[in-house]
Protein backbone atom coordinates (compact mmCIF):
# COMPACT_ATOMS: atom_id res chain seq x y z
CA MET A 1 -81.17 -22.07 -4.75
CA SER A 2 -81.58 -23.05 -8.28
CA PRO A 3 -80.07 -25.74 -10.87
CA LEU A 4 -76.92 -24.63 -12.67
CA GLY A 5 -78.63 -25.25 -16.02
CA LEU A 6 -80.86 -22.09 -15.44
CA LEU A 7 -78.12 -19.64 -15.09
CA SER A 8 -77.67 -17.03 -17.91
CA LYS A 9 -74.37 -16.05 -19.54
CA GLY A 10 -72.24 -14.13 -17.44
CA GLU A 11 -73.96 -15.05 -14.13
CA LYS A 12 -71.67 -16.42 -11.39
CA ALA A 13 -72.89 -18.86 -8.61
CA GLU A 14 -71.52 -20.97 -5.79
CA VAL A 15 -72.03 -24.74 -6.17
CA VAL A 16 -74.17 -25.86 -3.06
CA GLU A 17 -75.03 -29.30 -3.77
CA ILE A 18 -74.45 -31.99 -6.47
CA ARG A 19 -77.85 -34.00 -6.61
CA ILE A 20 -76.12 -36.95 -8.44
CA GLN A 21 -76.14 -40.48 -6.81
CA LYS A 22 -72.80 -40.89 -5.05
CA GLY A 23 -71.10 -44.37 -5.83
CA TYR A 24 -68.00 -46.18 -6.50
CA CYS A 25 -65.29 -43.56 -7.63
CA GLN A 26 -62.32 -45.65 -8.83
CA GLY A 27 -61.29 -47.58 -11.60
CA THR A 28 -64.11 -48.69 -14.16
CA GLY A 29 -67.03 -47.88 -11.63
CA LYS A 30 -66.72 -44.14 -12.17
CA ASN A 31 -70.23 -42.36 -11.98
CA GLN A 32 -71.49 -38.78 -12.71
CA ALA A 33 -70.85 -37.40 -9.20
CA CYS A 34 -67.22 -38.49 -9.51
CA HIS A 35 -66.81 -37.17 -13.07
CA ALA A 36 -68.18 -33.78 -11.95
CA GLU A 37 -65.63 -33.57 -9.10
CA ASP A 38 -63.05 -34.52 -11.44
CA MET A 39 -63.74 -31.51 -13.43
CA GLY A 40 -63.67 -29.22 -10.53
CA LEU A 41 -67.44 -28.93 -9.75
CA ARG A 42 -67.22 -29.33 -5.96
CA THR A 43 -69.19 -27.75 -3.05
CA GLY A 44 -68.32 -24.25 -2.42
CA LYS A 45 -66.73 -23.67 -5.99
CA VAL A 46 -67.71 -20.38 -7.60
CA ILE A 47 -68.51 -21.17 -11.11
CA GLU A 48 -69.37 -18.55 -14.20
CA MET A 49 -71.70 -19.34 -17.04
CA LEU A 50 -70.04 -18.82 -20.40
CA ASN A 51 -72.51 -20.17 -22.80
CA ASN A 52 -76.05 -21.57 -22.03
CA GLY A 53 -77.71 -21.14 -25.40
CA GLY A 54 -78.94 -23.67 -27.93
CA GLY A 55 -79.76 -27.23 -27.13
CA GLY A 56 -76.20 -28.70 -26.60
CA PRO A 57 -73.87 -28.71 -23.71
CA ILE A 58 -73.26 -25.64 -21.47
CA LEU A 59 -69.63 -24.15 -21.09
CA LEU A 60 -68.78 -23.01 -17.63
CA LYS A 61 -65.71 -21.46 -16.02
CA VAL A 62 -64.37 -23.17 -13.18
CA ASP A 63 -61.23 -21.62 -11.43
CA GLU A 64 -59.01 -20.94 -14.73
CA SER A 65 -60.67 -23.82 -16.68
CA ARG A 66 -63.53 -24.00 -19.28
CA ILE A 67 -65.35 -27.17 -19.07
CA ALA A 68 -68.57 -28.19 -21.05
CA ILE A 69 -71.21 -30.41 -19.44
CA SER A 70 -74.64 -31.91 -20.49
CA ARG A 71 -77.90 -30.05 -19.55
CA GLY A 72 -78.97 -33.28 -17.75
CA MET A 73 -75.88 -32.97 -15.36
CA ALA A 74 -76.29 -29.17 -15.00
CA MET A 75 -79.84 -29.61 -13.88
CA LYS A 76 -78.76 -31.96 -10.80
CA ILE A 77 -76.01 -29.36 -9.73
CA MET A 78 -77.70 -26.89 -7.16
CA VAL A 79 -76.21 -23.41 -6.95
CA LYS A 80 -76.65 -20.14 -5.24
CA LYS A 81 -76.24 -17.03 -7.22
CA THR A 82 -73.38 -14.60 -6.08
CA GLY A 83 -74.83 -11.41 -7.67
CA CYS A 84 -71.42 -10.64 -9.54
CA ARG A 85 -71.82 -10.10 -13.14
CA ASP A 86 -68.90 -9.00 -15.16
């Protein structure tokens, strides 16, 4: 198990755990954990790293969507590599 932020371009992994404090998820009280779930980053999802270069956000493929997340958030999402690389 390793942080999502350490995956290389083209690697696929399954989300194992989101280490962001859970809290109020409705209305104005949304937190990072709720935001990650809204983007499709949930335990059990298989993601693909599309771009992890430079110092900005990283680009992921989740289902048929492409999303960008901050490196800080990516380091709090633990994944297990699936071994599949296209």
